[in-house]
């Protein structure tokens, strides 16, 4: 898909250097970088724009009571 966007000059310069090193194109480098960045947001469930911590493997939910008990023990 063809699209016109404004990109910071320093970002383009860095992408150009990487493209030369990897024998690639600036477009491929920027696309891959955007793809990785977007994928990182999808790793976490979001609530109100904030990523939530992943669920525990044992399935237990950390509650406020658990946090308060640990804090009170100190």
N, C-alpha and C. Protein backbone atom coordinates (compact mmCIF):
# COMPACT_ATOMS: atom_id res chain seq x y z
N UNK A 1 0.85 -1.18 0.00
CA UNK A 1 0.00 0.00 0.00
C UNK A 1 0.89 1.24 0.00
N UNK A 2 0.56 2.16 -0.81
CA UNK A 2 1.34 3.39 -0.90
C UNK A 2 0.67 4.45 -0.02
N UNK A 3 1.53 5.17 0.75
CA UNK A 3 1.02 6.18 1.68
C UNK A 3 2.08 7.26 1.84
N UNK A 4 1.68 8.49 2.02
CA UNK A 4 2.62 9.58 2.24
C UNK A 4 2.54 9.99 3.70
N UNK A 5 3.71 9.96 4.37
CA UNK A 5 3.78 10.37 5.77
C UNK A 5 5.00 11.25 5.96
N UNK A 6 4.98 12.07 7.03
CA UNK A 6 6.14 12.87 7.38
C UNK A 6 6.92 12.12 8.45
N UNK A 7 8.23 11.95 8.21
CA UNK A 7 9.09 11.23 9.14
C UNK A 7 10.25 12.13 9.51
N UNK A 8 10.62 12.12 10.78
CA UNK A 8 11.73 12.91 11.29
C UNK A 8 13.00 12.61 10.49
N UNK A 9 13.75 13.65 10.17
CA UNK A 9 14.96 13.49 9.35
C UNK A 9 15.99 12.56 9.99
N UNK A 10 16.13 12.64 11.31
CA UNK A 10 17.09 11.78 12.01
C UNK A 10 16.68 10.32 11.90
N UNK A 11 15.39 10.06 11.93
CA UNK A 11 14.90 8.69 11.79
C UNK A 11 15.19 8.15 10.40
N UNK A 12 14.99 8.98 9.40
CA UNK A 12 15.28 8.57 8.02
C UNK A 12 16.77 8.32 7.85
N UNK A 13 17.60 9.17 8.44
CA UNK A 13 19.05 8.99 8.33
C UNK A 13 19.48 7.67 8.98
N UNK A 14 18.92 7.37 10.14
CA UNK A 14 19.25 6.11 10.82
C UNK A 14 18.76 4.92 10.01
N UNK A 15 17.54 5.02 9.51
CA UNK A 15 16.99 3.94 8.69
C UNK A 15 17.81 3.73 7.42
N UNK A 16 18.33 4.81 6.87
CA UNK A 16 19.17 4.71 5.67
C UNK A 16 20.46 3.97 5.98
N UNK A 17 21.07 4.27 7.12
CA UNK A 17 22.31 3.58 7.52
C UNK A 17 22.04 2.09 7.72
N UNK A 18 20.95 1.77 8.40
CA UNK A 18 20.61 0.36 8.65
C UNK A 18 20.33 -0.35 7.34
N UNK A 19 19.63 0.31 6.44
CA UNK A 19 19.30 -0.29 5.14
C UNK A 19 20.57 -0.62 4.36
N UNK A 20 21.55 0.27 4.40
CA UNK A 20 22.82 0.01 3.71
C UNK A 20 23.53 -1.19 4.32
N UNK A 21 23.54 -1.25 5.66
CA UNK A 21 24.20 -2.36 6.35
C UNK A 21 23.53 -3.71 6.05
N UNK A 22 22.21 -3.69 5.91
CA UNK A 22 21.46 -4.93 5.72
C UNK A 22 21.12 -5.19 4.26
N UNK A 23 21.67 -4.36 3.37
CA UNK A 23 21.38 -4.50 1.94
C UNK A 23 19.87 -4.55 1.70
N UNK A 24 19.21 -3.56 2.24
CA UNK A 24 17.75 -3.49 2.19
C UNK A 24 17.36 -2.09 1.75
N UNK A 25 16.07 -1.77 1.84
CA UNK A 25 15.59 -0.43 1.50
C UNK A 25 15.11 0.28 2.77
N UNK A 26 15.10 1.59 2.71
CA UNK A 26 14.59 2.39 3.83
C UNK A 26 13.14 2.01 4.11
N UNK A 27 12.37 1.81 3.06
CA UNK A 27 10.96 1.45 3.23
C UNK A 27 10.81 0.14 4.00
N UNK A 28 11.65 -0.84 3.67
CA UNK A 28 11.58 -2.14 4.35
C UNK A 28 11.98 -2.00 5.82
N UNK A 29 13.00 -1.21 6.09
CA UNK A 29 13.46 -1.01 7.47
C UNK A 29 12.38 -0.31 8.29
N UNK A 30 11.79 0.76 7.75
CA UNK A 30 10.76 1.48 8.48
C UNK A 30 9.51 0.62 8.67
N UNK A 31 9.14 -0.15 7.68
CA UNK A 31 7.97 -1.03 7.80
C UNK A 31 8.19 -2.09 8.87
N UNK A 32 9.39 -2.69 8.87
CA UNK A 32 9.69 -3.73 9.88
C UNK A 32 9.72 -3.12 11.28
N UNK A 33 10.27 -1.94 11.40
CA UNK A 33 10.32 -1.27 12.71
C UNK A 33 8.91 -0.96 13.20
N UNK A 34 8.06 -0.46 12.33
CA UNK A 34 6.68 -0.17 12.71
C UNK A 34 5.95 -1.45 13.07
N UNK A 35 6.18 -2.52 12.31
CA UNK A 35 5.54 -3.81 12.57
C UNK A 35 5.92 -4.33 13.96
N UNK A 36 7.19 -4.25 14.30
CA UNK A 36 7.65 -4.71 15.62
C UNK A 36 7.07 -3.85 16.74
N UNK A 37 7.02 -2.55 16.52
CA UNK A 37 6.48 -1.65 17.54
C UNK A 37 5.01 -1.94 17.79
N UNK A 38 4.25 -2.11 16.72
CA UNK A 38 2.82 -2.40 16.86
C UNK A 38 2.62 -3.75 17.52
N UNK A 39 3.43 -4.73 17.17
CA UNK A 39 3.31 -6.07 17.77
C UNK A 39 3.58 -6.01 19.27
N UNK A 40 4.48 -5.13 19.71
CA UNK A 40 4.78 -5.05 21.14
C UNK A 40 3.58 -4.57 21.93
N UNK A 41 2.72 -3.75 21.34
CA UNK A 41 1.52 -3.30 22.02
C UNK A 41 0.49 -4.41 22.12
N UNK A 42 0.51 -5.32 21.20
CA UNK A 42 -0.47 -6.40 21.18
C UNK A 42 -0.13 -7.51 22.17
N UNK A 43 1.07 -7.52 22.72
CA UNK A 43 1.46 -8.55 23.67
C UNK A 43 0.70 -8.45 24.97
N UNK A 44 0.26 -7.26 25.31
CA UNK A 44 -0.38 -7.02 26.59
C UNK A 44 -1.84 -6.63 26.41
N UNK A 45 -2.64 -7.08 27.35
CA UNK A 45 -4.02 -6.61 27.38
C UNK A 45 -3.97 -5.16 27.83
N UNK A 46 -4.78 -4.33 27.23
CA UNK A 46 -4.76 -2.91 27.56
C UNK A 46 -6.05 -2.53 28.29
N UNK A 47 -5.93 -1.61 29.23
CA UNK A 47 -7.09 -1.04 29.90
C UNK A 47 -6.87 0.46 30.02
N UNK A 48 -7.75 1.23 29.44
CA UNK A 48 -7.63 2.69 29.45
C UNK A 48 -6.30 3.17 28.90
N UNK A 49 -5.80 2.46 27.87
CA UNK A 49 -4.56 2.85 27.22
C UNK A 49 -3.30 2.43 27.96
N UNK A 50 -3.45 1.67 29.04
CA UNK A 50 -2.30 1.24 29.83
C UNK A 50 -2.15 -0.27 29.71
N UNK A 51 -0.95 -0.77 29.37
CA UNK A 51 -0.78 -2.22 29.27
C UNK A 51 -0.84 -2.86 30.66
N UNK A 52 -1.57 -3.97 30.75
CA UNK A 52 -1.68 -4.70 32.00
C UNK A 52 -0.57 -5.74 32.08
N UNK A 53 -0.16 -6.07 33.27
CA UNK A 53 0.84 -7.12 33.44
C UNK A 53 0.24 -8.45 33.00
N UNK A 54 1.07 -9.36 32.48
CA UNK A 54 0.54 -10.65 32.04
C UNK A 54 0.01 -11.45 33.22
N UNK A 55 -0.95 -12.33 32.94
CA UNK A 55 -1.52 -13.17 33.98
C UNK A 55 -0.49 -14.18 34.44
N UNK A 56 -0.58 -14.55 35.71
CA UNK A 56 0.35 -15.52 36.29
C UNK A 56 0.08 -16.90 35.71
N UNK A 57 1.12 -17.71 35.63
CA UNK A 57 1.00 -19.06 35.07
C UNK A 57 0.08 -19.94 35.92
N UNK A 58 0.07 -19.70 37.25
CA UNK A 58 -0.77 -20.52 38.13
C UNK A 58 -2.23 -20.07 38.13
N UNK A 59 -2.52 -18.99 37.42
CA UNK A 59 -3.90 -18.53 37.28
C UNK A 59 -4.39 -17.67 38.43
N UNK A 60 -3.58 -17.47 39.46
CA UNK A 60 -4.01 -16.67 40.61
C UNK A 60 -3.89 -15.18 40.27
N UNK A 61 -4.84 -14.43 40.74
CA UNK A 61 -4.83 -12.98 40.55
C UNK A 61 -4.28 -12.33 41.80
N UNK A 62 -3.35 -11.41 41.63
CA UNK A 62 -2.81 -10.67 42.76
C UNK A 62 -3.85 -9.62 43.14
N UNK A 63 -4.30 -9.69 44.39
CA UNK A 63 -5.34 -8.77 44.85
C UNK A 63 -4.74 -7.66 45.72
N UNK A 64 -5.54 -6.65 45.96
CA UNK A 64 -5.11 -5.55 46.83
C UNK A 64 -4.86 -6.07 48.24
N UNK A 65 -5.65 -7.03 48.67
CA UNK A 65 -5.46 -7.60 50.00
C UNK A 65 -4.09 -8.28 50.11
N UNK A 66 -3.68 -9.00 49.07
CA UNK A 66 -2.37 -9.64 49.06
C UNK A 66 -1.26 -8.60 49.14
N UNK A 67 -1.39 -7.53 48.39
CA UNK A 67 -0.39 -6.47 48.39
C UNK A 67 -0.32 -5.83 49.77
N UNK A 68 -1.49 -5.52 50.36
CA UNK A 68 -1.53 -4.91 51.68
C UNK A 68 -0.91 -5.83 52.73
N UNK A 69 -1.18 -7.13 52.66
CA UNK A 69 -0.62 -8.08 53.62
C UNK A 69 0.90 -8.10 53.52
N UNK A 70 1.44 -8.11 52.31
CA UNK A 70 2.90 -8.09 52.14
C UNK A 70 3.50 -6.79 52.66
N UNK A 71 2.82 -5.69 52.40
CA UNK A 71 3.30 -4.39 52.86
C UNK A 71 3.28 -4.33 54.38
N UNK A 72 2.22 -4.84 55.00
CA UNK A 72 2.08 -4.80 56.45
C UNK A 72 3.11 -5.69 57.15
N UNK A 73 3.57 -6.76 56.46
CA UNK A 73 4.57 -7.65 57.04
C UNK A 73 5.92 -6.97 57.19
N UNK A 74 6.16 -5.95 56.42
CA UNK A 74 7.45 -5.26 56.48
C UNK A 74 7.44 -4.35 57.63
